[in-house]
Structures are given as C-alpha cells and as structure tokens.
Amino acid sequence: MRQTVRRIGVLSLGKVMGSIYAVIGLIVGAIFTVVALLGSVIGSIASDSGEPLLGVLLGIGAIVIFPIFYGLIAFLMGMLIAAVYNFAARFTGGLEVELA
C-alpha cells in the first residue's frame, strides 16, 4: 500500500532528532571523557609541571556539554529540515512510501 507524506510536523521532527542526537552526544561525551582523563593521567605522570585538573574538568564537562550541544543543534536542524521539506512537498507532491 503506497502512501504519500505531504507534510512533516516541524516541532515533531525537531524533538525526535534532538533526542536522538542528545543520546549520541552522551556517547561521544563519554568517549571524550575517557580520553581526557587518560591524557590527564599520562600527562601528569610524564611531567611534573602538567596540570591534571584541567583534563579532569574537560572530561567531566564534555559528558554534560556534548549532549546539550548535540541535542540543541539537532533540534534546530530538524525543524529547519521539516520546514524545507514541507515547502518542497507543496511543489513536488511529497514523498511516496510503501507501507506493509
């Protein structure tokens, strides 16, 4: 059965994309945190003048900032993409999908 998507809810797509990318940001932030903490430990072992506190703060900050940043940017981009799609669908008739 073929259906045509003629319009996408702007806020709806923004919320979905924002939540998906917030989870991705959490994963990337966790990876960044591990790398920053390892770098901080290695740096403090290698030299006495290294400041390990900076690496720890960057690592902990990344796990908070990355999900917020990724989620906010994806939310805004999702709304923009939905608005552009809705504009284009008026002229092209929309996206045809086949549902089972």
PDB file of N, CA and C in Angstrom:
ATOM      1  N   MET A   1       0.828  -1.159   0.000  1.00  0.00           N
ATOM      2  CA  MET A   1       0.000   0.000   0.000  1.00  0.00           C
ATOM      3  C   MET A   1       0.889   1.244   0.000  1.00  0.00           C
ATOM      4  N   ARG A   2       0.704   2.076  -0.984  1.00  0.00           N
ATOM      5  CA  ARG A   2       1.520   3.284  -1.114  1.00  0.00           C
ATOM      6  C   ARG A   2       0.829   4.473  -0.468  1.00  0.00           C
ATOM      7  N   GLN A   3       1.594   5.210   0.280  1.00  0.00           N
ATOM      8  CA  GLN A   3       1.117   6.421   0.940  1.00  0.00           C
ATOM      9  C   GLN A   3       2.039   7.572   0.561  1.00  0.00           C
ATOM     10  N   THR A   4       1.540   8.786   0.663  1.00  0.00           N
ATOM     11  CA  THR A   4       2.354   9.956   0.352  1.00  0.00           C
ATOM     12  C   THR A   4       2.469  10.829   1.592  1.00  0.00           C
ATOM     13  N   VAL A   5       3.705  11.134   1.966  1.00  0.00           N
ATOM     14  CA  VAL A   5       3.961  12.039   3.082  1.00  0.00           C
ATOM     15  C   VAL A   5       3.971  13.451   2.507  1.00  0.00           C
ATOM     16  N   ARG A   6       2.932  14.190   2.789  1.00  0.00           N
ATOM     17  CA  ARG A   6       2.789  15.534   2.230  1.00  0.00           C
ATOM     18  C   ARG A   6       3.305  16.609   3.179  1.00  0.00           C
ATOM     19  N   ARG A   7       3.348  16.307   4.464  1.00  0.00           N
ATOM     20  CA  ARG A   7       3.775  17.299   5.434  1.00  0.00           C
ATOM     21  C   ARG A   7       4.393  16.598   6.634  1.00  0.00           C
ATOM     22  N   ILE A   8       5.431  17.209   7.192  1.00  0.00           N
ATOM     23  CA  ILE A   8       6.084  16.707   8.400  1.00  0.00           C
ATOM     24  C   ILE A   8       5.926  17.778   9.471  1.00  0.00           C
ATOM     25  N   GLY A   9       5.545  17.371  10.672  1.00  0.00           N
ATOM     26  CA  GLY A   9       5.429  18.321  11.777  1.00  0.00           C
ATOM     27  C   GLY A   9       6.801  18.882  12.133  1.00  0.00           C
ATOM     28  N   VAL A  10       6.918  20.198  12.070  1.00  0.00           N
ATOM     29  CA  VAL A  10       8.217  20.844  12.290  1.00  0.00           C
ATOM     30  C   VAL A  10       8.718  20.580  13.706  1.00  0.00           C
ATOM     31  N   LEU A  11       7.893  20.817  14.698  1.00  0.00           N
ATOM     32  CA  LEU A  11       8.304  20.595  16.081  1.00  0.00           C
ATOM     33  C   LEU A  11       8.509  19.105  16.368  1.00  0.00           C
ATOM     34  N   SER A  12       7.698  18.265  15.742  1.00  0.00           N
ATOM     35  CA  SER A  12       7.805  16.824  15.935  1.00  0.00           C
ATOM     36  C   SER A  12       9.163  16.299  15.488  1.00  0.00           C
ATOM     37  N   LEU A  13       9.581  16.673  14.270  1.00  0.00           N
ATOM     38  CA  LEU A  13      10.887  16.220  13.781  1.00  0.00           C
ATOM     39  C   LEU A  13      12.015  16.812  14.612  1.00  0.00           C
ATOM     40  N   GLY A  14      11.852  18.057  15.049  1.00  0.00           N
ATOM     41  CA  GLY A  14      12.873  18.683  15.898  1.00  0.00           C
ATOM     42  C   GLY A  14      13.063  17.926  17.201  1.00  0.00           C
ATOM     43  N   LYS A  15      11.952  17.514  17.841  1.00  0.00           N
ATOM     44  CA  LYS A  15      12.043  16.777  19.102  1.00  0.00           C
ATOM     45  C   LYS A  15      12.681  15.404  18.913  1.00  0.00           C
ATOM     46  N   VAL A  16      12.288  14.720  17.847  1.00  0.00           N
ATOM     47  CA  VAL A  16      12.839  13.383  17.602  1.00  0.00           C
ATOM     48  C   VAL A  16      14.338  13.467  17.329  1.00  0.00           C
ATOM     49  N   MET A  17      14.728  14.364  16.424  1.00  0.00           N
ATOM     50  CA  MET A  17      16.154  14.486  16.110  1.00  0.00           C
ATOM     51  C   MET A  17      16.954  14.978  17.308  1.00  0.00           C
ATOM     52  N   GLY A  18      16.382  15.914  18.074  1.00  0.00           N
ATOM     53  CA  GLY A  18      17.078  16.413  19.259  1.00  0.00           C
ATOM     54  C   GLY A  18      17.338  15.323  20.282  1.00  0.00           C
ATOM     55  N   SER A  19      16.353  14.465  20.516  1.00  0.00           N
ATOM     56  CA  SER A  19      16.535  13.394  21.496  1.00  0.00           C
ATOM     57  C   SER A  19      17.519  12.328  21.010  1.00  0.00           C
ATOM     58  N   ILE A  20      17.449  11.994  19.728  1.00  0.00           N
ATOM     59  CA  ILE A  20      18.389  11.001  19.187  1.00  0.00           C
ATOM     60  C   ILE A  20      19.821  11.516  19.283  1.00  0.00           C
ATOM     61  N   TYR A  21      20.031  12.755  18.878  1.00  0.00           N
ATOM     62  CA  TYR A  21      21.384  13.300  18.892  1.00  0.00           C
ATOM     63  C   TYR A  21      21.871  13.624  20.299  1.00  0.00           C
ATOM     64  N   ALA A  22      20.972  13.840  21.249  1.00  0.00           N
ATOM     65  CA  ALA A  22      21.395  14.008  22.642  1.00  0.00           C
ATOM     66  C   ALA A  22      22.004  12.708  23.158  1.00  0.00           C
ATOM     67  N   VAL A  23      21.407  11.577  22.791  1.00  0.00           N
ATOM     68  CA  VAL A  23      21.971  10.276  23.181  1.00  0.00           C
ATOM     69  C   VAL A  23      23.329  10.069  22.508  1.00  0.00           C
ATOM     70  N   ILE A  24      23.421  10.429  21.229  1.00  0.00           N
ATOM     71  CA  ILE A  24      24.712  10.335  20.528  1.00  0.00           C
ATOM     72  C   ILE A  24      25.734  11.242  21.212  1.00  0.00           C
ATOM     73  N   GLY A  25      25.314  12.447  21.607  1.00  0.00           N
ATOM     74  CA  GLY A  25      26.207  13.365  22.313  1.00  0.00           C
ATOM     75  C   GLY A  25      26.673  12.800  23.640  1.00  0.00           C
ATOM     76  N   LEU A  26      25.802  12.068  24.318  1.00  0.00           N
ATOM     77  CA  LEU A  26      26.190  11.429  25.576  1.00  0.00           C
ATOM     78  C   LEU A  26      27.267  10.373  25.344  1.00  0.00           C
ATOM     79  N   ILE A  27      27.114   9.605  24.283  1.00  0.00           N
ATOM     80  CA  ILE A  27      28.116   8.579  23.956  1.00  0.00           C
ATOM     81  C   ILE A  27      29.439   9.230  23.573  1.00  0.00           C
ATOM     82  N   VAL A  28      29.390  10.245  22.713  1.00  0.00           N
ATOM     83  CA  VAL A  28      30.614  10.947  22.303  1.00  0.00           C
ATOM     84  C   VAL A  28      31.247  11.636  23.512  1.00  0.00           C
ATOM     85  N   GLY A  29      30.423  12.236  24.373  1.00  0.00           N
ATOM     86  CA  GLY A  29      30.941  12.877  25.578  1.00  0.00           C
ATOM     87  C   GLY A  29      31.624  11.886  26.504  1.00  0.00           C
ATOM     88  N   ALA A  30      31.064  10.685  26.612  1.00  0.00           N
ATOM     89  CA  ALA A  30      31.683   9.655  27.454  1.00  0.00           C
ATOM     90  C   ALA A  30      33.035   9.228  26.899  1.00  0.00           C
ATOM     91  N   ILE A  31      33.098   9.073  25.587  1.00  0.00           N
ATOM     92  CA  ILE A  31      34.379   8.717  24.951  1.00  0.00           C
ATOM     93  C   ILE A  31      35.392   9.837  25.164  1.00  0.00           C
ATOM     94  N   PHE A  32      34.959  11.087  24.960  1.00  0.00           N
ATOM     95  CA  PHE A  32      35.848  12.228  25.167  1.00  0.00           C
ATOM     96  C   PHE A  32      36.319  12.295  26.616  1.00  0.00           C
ATOM     97  N   THR A  33      35.432  11.981  27.548  1.00  0.00           N
ATOM     98  CA  THR A  33      35.790  11.994  28.962  1.00  0.00           C
ATOM     99  C   THR A  33      36.875  10.973  29.266  1.00  0.00           C
ATOM    100  N   VAL A  34      36.717   9.775  28.752  1.00  0.00           N
ATOM    101  CA  VAL A  34      37.723   8.723  28.982  1.00  0.00           C
ATOM    102  C   VAL A  34      39.066   9.140  28.401  1.00  0.00           C
ATOM    103  N   VAL A  35      39.055   9.669  27.167  1.00  0.00           N
ATOM    104  CA  VAL A  35      40.307  10.093  26.530  1.00  0.00           C
ATOM    105  C   VAL A  35      40.936  11.247  27.304  1.00  0.00           C
ATOM    106  N   ALA A  36      40.146  12.208  27.755  1.00  0.00           N
ATOM    107  CA  ALA A  36      40.681  13.347  28.503  1.00  0.00           C
ATOM    108  C   ALA A  36      41.264  12.902  29.843  1.00  0.00           C
ATOM    109  N   LEU A  37      40.573  11.994  30.513  1.00  0.00           N
ATOM    110  CA  LEU A  37      41.089  11.512  31.793  1.00  0.00           C
ATOM    111  C   LEU A  37      42.367  10.700  31.623  1.00  0.00           C
ATOM    112  N   LEU A  38      42.413   9.861  30.592  1.00  0.00           N
ATOM    113  CA  LEU A  38      43.645   9.111  30.324  1.00  0.00           C
ATOM    114  C   LEU A  38      44.783  10.054  29.954  1.00  0.00           C
ATOM    115  N   GLY A  39      44.490  11.035  29.139  1.00  0.00           N
ATOM    116  CA  GLY A  39      45.510  12.019  28.773  1.00  0.00           C
ATOM    117  C   GLY A  39      46.000  12.801  29.967  1.00  0.00           C
ATOM    118  N   SER A  40      45.104  13.112  30.879  1.00  0.00           N
ATOM    119  CA  SER A  40      45.466  13.834  32.085  1.00  0.00           C
ATOM    120  C   SER A  40      46.385  13.000  32.976  1.00  0.00           C
ATOM    121  N   VAL A  41      46.041  11.728  33.110  1.00  0.00           N
ATOM    122  CA  VAL A  41      46.865  10.832  33.932  1.00  0.00           C
ATOM    123  C   VAL A  41      48.238  10.649  33.301  1.00  0.00           C
ATOM    124  N   ILE A  42      48.272  10.392  32.005  1.00  0.00           N
ATOM    125  CA  ILE A  42      49.548  10.198  31.303  1.00  0.00           C
ATOM    126  C   ILE A  42      50.382  11.473  31.354  1.00  0.00           C
ATOM    127  N   GLY A  43      49.733  12.611  31.172  1.00  0.00           N
ATOM    128  CA  GLY A  43      50.441  13.884  31.216  1.00  0.00           C
ATOM    129  C   GLY A  43      51.011  14.192  32.578  1.00  0.00           C
ATOM    130  N   SER A  44      50.294  13.871  33.622  1.00  0.00           N
ATOM    131  CA  SER A  44      50.799  14.143  34.968  1.00  0.00           C
ATOM    132  C   SER A  44      51.928  13.182  35.348  1.00  0.00           C
ATOM    133  N   ILE A  45      51.901  11.979  34.795  1.00  0.00           N
ATOM    134  CA  ILE A  45      52.985  11.024  35.045  1.00  0.00           C
ATOM    135  C   ILE A  45      54.240  11.437  34.283  1.00  0.00           C
ATOM    136  N   ALA A  46      54.061  11.908  33.061  1.00  0.00           N
ATOM    137  CA  ALA A  46      55.196  12.233  32.194  1.00  0.00           C
ATOM    138  C   ALA A  46      55.957  13.466  32.656  1.00  0.00           C
ATOM    139  N   SER A  47      55.267  14.451  33.213  1.00  0.00           N
ATOM    140  CA  SER A  47      55.970  15.663  33.642  1.00  0.00           C
ATOM    141  C   SER A  47      55.367  16.177  34.936  1.00  0.00           C
ATOM    142  N   ASP A  48      56.225  16.847  35.704  1.00  0.00           N
ATOM    143  CA  ASP A  48      55.773  17.383  36.983  1.00  0.00           C
ATOM    144  C   ASP A  48      54.987  18.673  36.814  1.00  0.00           C
ATOM    145  N   SER A  49      55.166  19.368  35.685  1.00  0.00           N
ATOM    146  CA  SER A  49      54.518  20.659  35.502  1.00  0.00           C
ATOM    147  C   SER A  49      53.110  20.550  34.930  1.00  0.00           C
ATOM    148  N   GLY A  50      52.688  19.349  34.578  1.00  0.00           N
ATOM    149  CA  GLY A  50      51.359  19.166  33.990  1.00  0.00           C
ATOM    150  C   GLY A  50      50.252  19.452  34.994  1.00  0.00           C
ATOM    151  N   GLU A  51      49.166  19.974  34.513  1.00  0.00           N
ATOM    152  CA  GLU A  51      48.021  20.282  35.365  1.00  0.00           C
ATOM    153  C   GLU A  51      46.922  19.249  35.118  1.00  0.00           C
ATOM    154  N   PRO A  52      46.840  18.198  35.932  1.00  0.00           N
ATOM    155  CA  PRO A  52      45.843  17.149  35.692  1.00  0.00           C
ATOM    156  C   PRO A  52      44.406  17.621  35.928  1.00  0.00           C
ATOM    157  N   LEU A  53      44.232  18.667  36.706  1.00  0.00           N
ATOM    158  CA  LEU A  53      42.895  19.153  36.995  1.00  0.00           C
ATOM    159  C   LEU A  53      42.185  19.641  35.735  1.00  0.00           C
ATOM    160  N   LEU A  54      42.920  20.234  34.820  1.00  0.00           N
ATOM    161  CA  LEU A  54      42.329  20.729  33.578  1.00  0.00           C
ATOM    162  C   LEU A  54      41.742  19.579  32.758  1.00  0.00           C
ATOM    163  N   GLY A  55      42.463  18.491  32.650  1.00  0.00           N
ATOM    164  CA  GLY A  55      41.963  17.322  31.920  1.00  0.00           C
ATOM    165  C   GLY A  55      40.729  16.723  32.557  1.00  0.00           C
ATOM    166  N   VAL A  56      40.712  16.704  33.874  1.00  0.00           N
ATOM    167  CA  VAL A  56      39.553  16.171  34.596  1.00  0.00           C
ATOM    168  C   VAL A  56      38.338  17.064  34.373  1.00  0.00           C
ATOM    169  N   LEU A  57      38.525  18.374  34.451  1.00  0.00           N
ATOM    170  CA  LEU A  57      37.419  19.308  34.230  1.00  0.00           C
ATOM    171  C   LEU A  57      36.899  19.236  32.798  1.00  0.00           C
ATOM    172  N   LEU A  58      37.794  19.129  31.827  1.00  0.00           N
ATOM    173  CA  LEU A  58      37.369  18.993  30.433  1.00  0.00           C
ATOM    174  C   LEU A  58      36.596  17.702  30.227  1.00  0.00           C
ATOM    175  N   GLY A  59      37.066  16.638  30.832  1.00  0.00           N
ATOM    176  CA  GLY A  59      36.394  15.355  30.692  1.00  0.00           C
ATOM    177  C   GLY A  59      35.009  15.350  31.297  1.00  0.00           C
ATOM    178  N   ILE A  60      34.887  15.864  32.501  1.00  0.00           N
ATOM    179  CA  ILE A  60      33.583  15.907  33.157  1.00  0.00           C
ATOM    180  C   ILE A  60      32.664  16.888  32.448  1.00  0.00           C
ATOM    181  N   GLY A  61      33.208  18.004  31.993  1.00  0.00           N
ATOM    182  CA  GLY A  61      32.415  18.979  31.252  1.00  0.00           C
ATOM    183  C   GLY A  61      31.883  18.427  29.943  1.00  0.00           C
ATOM    184  N   ALA A  62      32.668  17.579  29.289  1.00  0.00           N
ATOM    185  CA  ALA A  62      32.265  17.024  27.992  1.00  0.00           C
ATOM    186  C   ALA A  62      31.035  16.147  28.118  1.00  0.00           C
ATOM    187  N   ILE A  63      30.939  15.406  29.194  1.00  0.00           N
ATOM    188  CA  ILE A  63      29.802  14.500  29.345  1.00  0.00           C
ATOM    189  C   ILE A  63      28.514  15.267  29.655  1.00  0.00           C
ATOM    190  N   VAL A  64      28.638  16.528  30.045  1.00  0.00           N
ATOM    191  CA  VAL A  64      27.469  17.377  30.278  1.00  0.00           C
ATOM    192  C   VAL A  64      27.176  18.240  29.048  1.00  0.00           C
ATOM    193  N   ILE A  65      28.209  18.846  28.481  1.00  0.00           N
ATOM    194  CA  ILE A  65      28.047  19.809  27.392  1.00  0.00           C
ATOM    195  C   ILE A  65      27.707  19.136  26.069  1.00  0.00           C
ATOM    196  N   PHE A  66      28.348  18.030  25.737  1.00  0.00           N
ATOM    197  CA  PHE A  66      28.130  17.385  24.434  1.00  0.00           C
ATOM    198  C   PHE A  66      26.663  17.005  24.193  1.00  0.00           C
ATOM    199  N   PRO A  67      25.973  16.333  25.130  1.00  0.00           N
ATOM    200  CA  PRO A  67      24.567  16.007  24.865  1.00  0.00           C
ATOM    201  C   PRO A  67      23.690  17.245  24.680  1.00  0.00           C
ATOM    202  N   ILE A  68      23.946  18.283  25.466  1.00  0.00           N
ATOM    203  CA  ILE A  68      23.170  19.516  25.334  1.00  0.00           C
ATOM    204  C   ILE A  68      23.422  20.151  23.977  1.00  0.00           C
ATOM    205  N   PHE A  69      24.686  20.269  23.600  1.00  0.00           N
ATOM    206  CA  PHE A  69      25.054  20.895  22.328  1.00  0.00           C
ATOM    207  C   PHE A  69      24.529  20.088  21.146  1.00  0.00           C
ATOM    208  N   TYR A  70      24.779  18.786  21.139  1.00  0.00           N
ATOM    209  CA  TYR A  70      24.305  17.930  20.049  1.00  0.00           C
ATOM    210  C   TYR A  70      22.780  17.968  19.949  1.00  0.00           C
ATOM    211  N   GLY A  71      22.102  17.855  21.091  1.00  0.00           N
ATOM    212  CA  GLY A  71      20.644  17.851  21.099  1.00  0.00           C
ATOM    213  C   GLY A  71      20.057  19.167  20.603  1.00  0.00           C
ATOM    214  N   LEU A  72      20.634  20.292  21.029  1.00  0.00           N
ATOM    215  CA  LEU A  72      20.131  21.598  20.614  1.00  0.00           C
ATOM    216  C   LEU A  72      20.330  21.840  19.125  1.00  0.00           C
ATOM    217  N   ILE A  73      21.515  21.538  18.635  1.00  0.00           N
ATOM    218  CA  ILE A  73      21.800  21.732  17.213  1.00  0.00           C
ATOM    219  C   ILE A  73      20.908  20.814  16.364  1.00  0.00           C
ATOM    220  N   ALA A  74      20.737  19.557  16.770  1.00  0.00           N
ATOM    221  CA  ALA A  74      19.895  18.623  16.009  1.00  0.00           C
ATOM    222  C   ALA A  74      18.430  19.046  16.060  1.00  0.00           C
ATOM    223  N   PHE A  75      17.976  19.586  17.196  1.00  0.00           N
ATOM    224  CA  PHE A  75      16.607  20.079  17.310  1.00  0.00           C
ATOM    225  C   PHE A  75      16.363  21.199  16.301  1.00  0.00           C
ATOM    226  N   LEU A  76      17.278  22.148  16.255  1.00  0.00           N
ATOM    227  CA  LEU A  76      17.143  23.268  15.310  1.00  0.00           C
ATOM    228  C   LEU A  76      17.235  22.800  13.858  1.00  0.00           C
ATOM    229  N   MET A  77      18.157  21.894  13.583  1.00  0.00           N
ATOM    230  CA  MET A  77      18.303  21.382  12.218  1.00  0.00           C
ATOM    231  C   MET A  77      17.093  20.547  11.812  1.00  0.00           C
ATOM    232  N   GLY A  78      16.527  19.786  12.733  1.00  0.00           N
ATOM    233  CA  GLY A  78      15.326  19.007  12.442  1.00  0.00           C
ATOM    234  C   GLY A  78      14.166  19.904  12.070  1.00  0.00           C
ATOM    235  N   MET A  79      14.020  21.012  12.799  1.00  0.00           N
ATOM    236  CA  MET A  79      12.956  21.955  12.471  1.00  0.00           C
ATOM    237  C   MET A  79      13.190  22.591  11.105  1.00  0.00           C
ATOM    238  N   LEU A  80      14.436  22.922  10.805  1.00  0.00           N
ATOM    239  CA  LEU A  80      14.760  23.506   9.500  1.00  0.00           C
ATOM    240  C   LEU A  80      14.507  22.501   8.378  1.00  0.00           C
ATOM    241  N   ILE A  81      14.929  21.269   8.573  1.00  0.00           N
ATOM    242  CA  ILE A  81      14.735  20.230   7.555  1.00  0.00           C
ATOM    243  C   ILE A  81      13.239  19.999   7.303  1.00  0.00           C
ATOM    244  N   ALA A  82      12.436  19.944   8.369  1.00  0.00           N
ATOM    245  CA  ALA A  82      10.989  19.742   8.206  1.00  0.00           C
ATOM    246  C   ALA A  82      10.356  20.918   7.455  1.00  0.00           C
ATOM    247  N   ALA A  83      10.779  22.134   7.778  1.00  0.00           N
ATOM    248  CA  ALA A  83      10.232  23.305   7.094  1.00  0.00           C
ATOM    249  C   ALA A  83      10.595  23.296   5.614  1.00  0.00           C
ATOM    250  N   VAL A  84      11.828  22.962   5.303  1.00  0.00           N
ATOM    251  CA  VAL A  84      12.263  22.898   3.892  1.00  0.00           C
ATOM    252  C   VAL A  84      11.523  21.779   3.170  1.00  0.00           C
ATOM    253  N   TYR A  85      11.353  20.620   3.842  1.00  0.00           N
ATOM    254  CA  TYR A  85      10.610  19.517   3.229  1.00  0.00           C
ATOM    255  C   TYR A  85       9.174  19.930   2.927  1.00  0.00           C
ATOM    256  N   ASN A  86       8.524  20.565   3.890  1.00  0.00           N
ATOM    257  CA  ASN A  86       7.134  20.988   3.700  1.00  0.00           C
ATOM    258  C   ASN A  86       7.013  21.962   2.530  1.00  0.00           C
ATOM    259  N   PHE A  87       7.981  22.840   2.402  1.00  0.00           N
ATOM    260  CA  PHE A  87       7.977  23.787   1.285  1.00  0.00           C
ATOM    261  C   PHE A  87       8.141  23.047  -0.047  1.00  0.00           C
ATOM    262  N   ALA A  88       9.104  22.135  -0.099  1.00  0.00           N
ATOM    263  CA  ALA A  88       9.361  21.388  -1.337  1.00  0.00           C
ATOM    264  C   ALA A  88       8.209  20.440  -1.666  1.00  0.00           C
ATOM    265  N   ALA A  89       7.570  19.857  -0.643  1.00  0.00           N
ATOM    266  CA  ALA A  89       6.483  18.904  -0.874  1.00  0.00           C
ATOM    267  C   ALA A  89       5.272  19.578  -1.508  1.00  0.00           C
ATOM    268  N   ARG A  90       5.092  20.878  -1.265  1.00  0.00           N
ATOM    269  CA  ARG A  90       3.982  21.601  -1.904  1.00  0.00           C
ATOM    270  C   ARG A  90       4.102  21.585  -3.411  1.00  0.00           C
ATOM    271  N   PHE A  91       5.329  21.635  -3.912  1.00  0.00           N
ATOM    272  CA  PHE A  91       5.550  21.708  -5.352  1.00  0.00           C
ATOM    273  C   PHE A  91       5.736  20.339  -5.988  1.00  0.00           C
ATOM    274  N   THR A  92       6.267  19.387  -5.210  1.00  0.00           N
ATOM    275  CA  THR A  92       6.587  18.081  -5.780  1.00  0.00           C
ATOM    276  C   THR A  92       5.553  17.008  -5.465  1.00  0.00           C
ATOM    277  N   GLY A  93       4.662  17.281  -4.518  1.00  0.00           N
ATOM    278  CA  GLY A  93       3.641  16.298  -4.178  1.00  0.00           C
ATOM    279  C   GLY A  93       3.988  15.442  -2.977  1.00  0.00           C
ATOM    280  N   GLY A  94       5.195  15.512  -2.468  1.00  0.00           N
ATOM    281  CA  GLY A  94       5.570  14.763  -1.270  1.00  0.00           C
ATOM    282  C   GLY A  94       6.381  13.520  -1.568  1.00  0.00           C
ATOM    283  N   LEU A  95       6.665  12.802  -0.520  1.00  0.00           N
ATOM    284  CA  LEU A  95       7.484  11.602  -0.573  1.00  0.00           C
ATOM    285  C   LEU A  95       6.576  10.385  -0.584  1.00  0.00           C
ATOM    286  N   GLU A  96       6.746   9.516  -1.557  1.00  0.00           N
ATOM    287  CA  GLU A  96       5.926   8.322  -1.662  1.00  0.00           C
ATOM    288  C   GLU A  96       6.615   7.177  -0.957  1.00  0.00           C
ATOM    289  N   VAL A  97       5.911   6.543   0.001  1.00  0.00           N
ATOM    290  CA  VAL A  97       6.445   5.405   0.735  1.00  0.00           C
ATOM    291  C   VAL A  97       5.475   4.226   0.591  1.00  0.00           C
ATOM    292  N   GLU A  98       6.023   3.035   0.707  1.00  0.00           N
ATOM    293  CA  GLU A  98       5.194   1.844   0.632  1.00  0.00           C
ATOM    294  C   GLU A  98       5.138   1.212   2.011  1.00  0.00           C
ATOM    295  N   LEU A  99       3.933   1.082   2.551  1.00  0.00           N
ATOM    296  CA  LEU A  99       3.736   0.503   3.870  1.00  0.00           C
ATOM    297  C   LEU A  99       3.255  -0.936   3.726  1.00  0.00           C
ATOM    298  N   ALA A 100       3.725  -1.780   4.592  1.00  0.00           N
ATOM    299  CA  ALA A 100       3.347  -3.192   4.537  1.00  0.00           C
ATOM    300  C   ALA A 100       1.943  -3.437   5.010  1.00  0.00           C
TER     301      ALA A 100
END
